[in-house]
C-alpha atoms as a PDB file:
ATOM      1  CA  MET A   1      -6.816 -27.536 -24.093  1.00  0.00           C
ATOM      2  CA  THR A   2      -7.313 -23.801 -23.450  1.00  0.00           C
ATOM      3  CA  PRO A   3      -6.793 -22.864 -19.827  1.00  0.00           C
ATOM      4  CA  THR A   4      -9.667 -21.096 -18.021  1.00  0.00           C
ATOM      5  CA  HIS A   5      -7.319 -18.818 -16.116  1.00  0.00           C
ATOM      6  CA  LEU A   6      -3.890 -17.371 -16.803  1.00  0.00           C
ATOM      7  CA  ARG A   7      -1.188 -16.038 -14.507  1.00  0.00           C
ATOM      8  CA  LEU A   8       0.307 -12.570 -14.994  1.00  0.00           C
ATOM      9  CA  ALA A   9       4.141 -12.637 -15.124  1.00  0.00           C
ATOM     10  CA  ILE A  10       5.980  -9.409 -14.601  1.00  0.00           C
ATOM     11  CA  ILE A  11       9.541  -9.605 -15.805  1.00  0.00           C
ATOM     12  CA  ASN A  12      12.009  -6.952 -14.610  1.00  0.00           C
ATOM     13  CA  ARG A  13      15.638  -7.171 -15.714  1.00  0.00           C
ATOM     14  CA  GLY A  14      15.557 -10.932 -15.963  1.00  0.00           C
ATOM     15  CA  ARG A  15      13.683 -11.564 -12.712  1.00  0.00           C
ATOM     16  CA  VAL A  16      10.188 -13.025 -12.993  1.00  0.00           C
ATOM     17  CA  MET A  17       7.387 -12.340 -10.519  1.00  0.00           C
ATOM     18  CA  ILE A  18       4.166 -14.350 -10.891  1.00  0.00           C
ATOM     19  CA  VAL A  19       1.077 -12.545  -9.565  1.00  0.00           C
ATOM     20  CA  ASP A  20      -0.933 -14.722  -7.175  1.00  0.00           C
ATOM     21  CA  GLU A  21      -4.352 -13.711  -8.427  1.00  0.00           C
ATOM     22  CA  PRO A  22      -5.349 -15.673 -11.535  1.00  0.00           C
ATOM     23  CA  ILE A  23      -6.709 -13.734 -14.539  1.00  0.00           C
ATOM     24  CA  PRO A  24      -9.750 -15.260 -16.296  1.00  0.00           C
ATOM     25  CA  ASN A  25      -8.908 -16.305 -19.836  1.00  0.00           C
ATOM     26  CA  HIS A  26     -11.635 -14.089 -21.225  1.00  0.00           C
ATOM     27  CA  PRO A  27     -11.203 -11.078 -23.533  1.00  0.00           C
ATOM     28  CA  ALA A  28     -13.089  -8.721 -21.156  1.00  0.00           C
ATOM     29  CA  ALA A  29     -10.869  -9.680 -18.179  1.00  0.00           C
ATOM     30  CA  ILE A  30      -7.662  -9.272 -20.222  1.00  0.00           C
ATOM     31  CA  ALA A  31      -8.886  -5.932 -21.581  1.00  0.00           C
ATOM     32  CA  ASP A  32      -9.410  -4.725 -17.954  1.00  0.00           C
ATOM     33  CA  LEU A  33      -5.798  -5.480 -17.168  1.00  0.00           C
ATOM     34  CA  GLU A  34      -4.256  -3.882 -20.299  1.00  0.00           C
ATOM     35  CA  PRO A  35      -4.489  -0.156 -19.372  1.00  0.00           C
ATOM     36  CA  ALA A  36      -2.590  -0.607 -16.102  1.00  0.00           C
ATOM     37  CA  CYS A  37       0.081  -2.775 -17.705  1.00  0.00           C
ATOM     38  CA  ALA A  38       0.465  -0.351 -20.657  1.00  0.00           C
ATOM     39  CA  GLN A  39       0.867   2.570 -18.347  1.00  0.00           C
ATOM     40  CA  LEU A  40       3.519   0.775 -16.193  1.00  0.00           C
ATOM     41  CA  HIS A  41       5.208  -0.415 -19.422  1.00  0.00           C
ATOM     42  CA  SER A  42       5.431   3.065 -20.879  1.00  0.00           C
ATOM     43  CA  LYS A  43       7.058   4.469 -17.756  1.00  0.00           C
ATOM     44  CA  SER A  44       9.547   1.617 -17.277  1.00  0.00           C
ATOM     45  CA  ARG A  45      11.989   2.614 -20.009  1.00  0.00           C
ATOM     46  CA  ARG A  46      11.567  -0.875 -21.374  1.00  0.00           C
ATOM     47  CA  ALA A  47      12.737  -2.551 -18.159  1.00  0.00           C
ATOM     48  CA  ILE A  48       9.413  -4.244 -17.387  1.00  0.00           C
ATOM     49  CA  HIS A  49       7.685  -6.856 -19.601  1.00  0.00           C
ATOM     50  CA  PHE A  50       4.332  -8.520 -19.148  1.00  0.00           C
ATOM     51  CA  GLN A  51       3.235 -12.057 -20.054  1.00  0.00           C
ATOM     52  CA  LEU A  52       0.018 -13.967 -19.458  1.00  0.00           C
ATOM     53  CA  ARG A  53       1.052 -17.550 -18.851  1.00  0.00           C
ATOM     54  CA  ASP A  54      -0.646 -20.934 -18.817  1.00  0.00           C
ATOM     55  CA  PRO A  55      -0.552 -21.992 -15.091  1.00  0.00           C
ATOM     56  CA  ALA A  56      -0.228 -25.706 -16.037  1.00  0.00           C
ATOM     57  CA  ASP A  57       3.161 -25.415 -17.711  1.00  0.00           C
ATOM     58  CA  GLY A  58       4.247 -21.772 -17.292  1.00  0.00           C
ATOM     59  CA  ARG A  59       4.295 -21.225 -21.091  1.00  0.00           C
ATOM     60  CA  ALA A  60       3.625 -17.608 -22.230  1.00  0.00           C
ATOM     61  CA  VAL A  61       0.294 -17.385 -24.084  1.00  0.00           C
ATOM     62  CA  LEU A  62       0.000 -13.626 -24.502  1.00  0.00           C
ATOM     63  CA  VAL A  63       2.697 -10.886 -24.295  1.00  0.00           C
ATOM     64  CA  MET A  64       2.733  -7.131 -24.160  1.00  0.00           C
ATOM     65  CA  GLU A  65       5.527  -5.949 -26.520  1.00  0.00           C
ATOM     66  CA  HIS A  66       7.491  -2.673 -26.125  1.00  0.00           C
ATOM     67  CA  GLY A  67       5.178   0.308 -26.764  1.00  0.00           C
ATOM     68  CA  ALA A  68       2.079  -1.865 -27.039  1.00  0.00           C
ATOM     69  CA  THR A  69      -1.141  -1.191 -25.260  1.00  0.00           C
ATOM     70  CA  LYS A  70      -2.681  -4.625 -25.706  1.00  0.00           C
ATOM     71  CA  PHE A  71      -1.674  -8.235 -25.064  1.00  0.00           C
ATOM     72  CA  GLN A  72      -0.982 -10.207 -28.233  1.00  0.00           C
ATOM     73  CA  PRO A  73      -0.251 -13.850 -29.051  1.00  0.00           C
ATOM     74  CA  LEU A  74       3.453 -14.752 -28.730  1.00  0.00           C
ATOM     75  CA  LYS A  75       5.085 -14.319 -32.102  1.00  0.00           C
ATOM     76  CA  GLY A  76       6.228 -17.514 -33.906  1.00  0.00           C
ATOM     77  CA  PHE A  77       3.590 -19.734 -32.181  1.00  0.00           C
END
């Protein structure tokens, strides 16, 4: 079952922070989030990573890889 909302996880040097505000699992809502994450990611010297996770089990659904500007499905899944 596809979740209606996702949780943004910000990972910094192994520490994970889950943002309280849920993100609608909708392409337009995810696209609105991408520019801010991409800008933070480009300035972090690869220390910060972003994931959109399923709130039911915490599994990463979408990730923003190094140098990317968009969230993509997790590779290998």
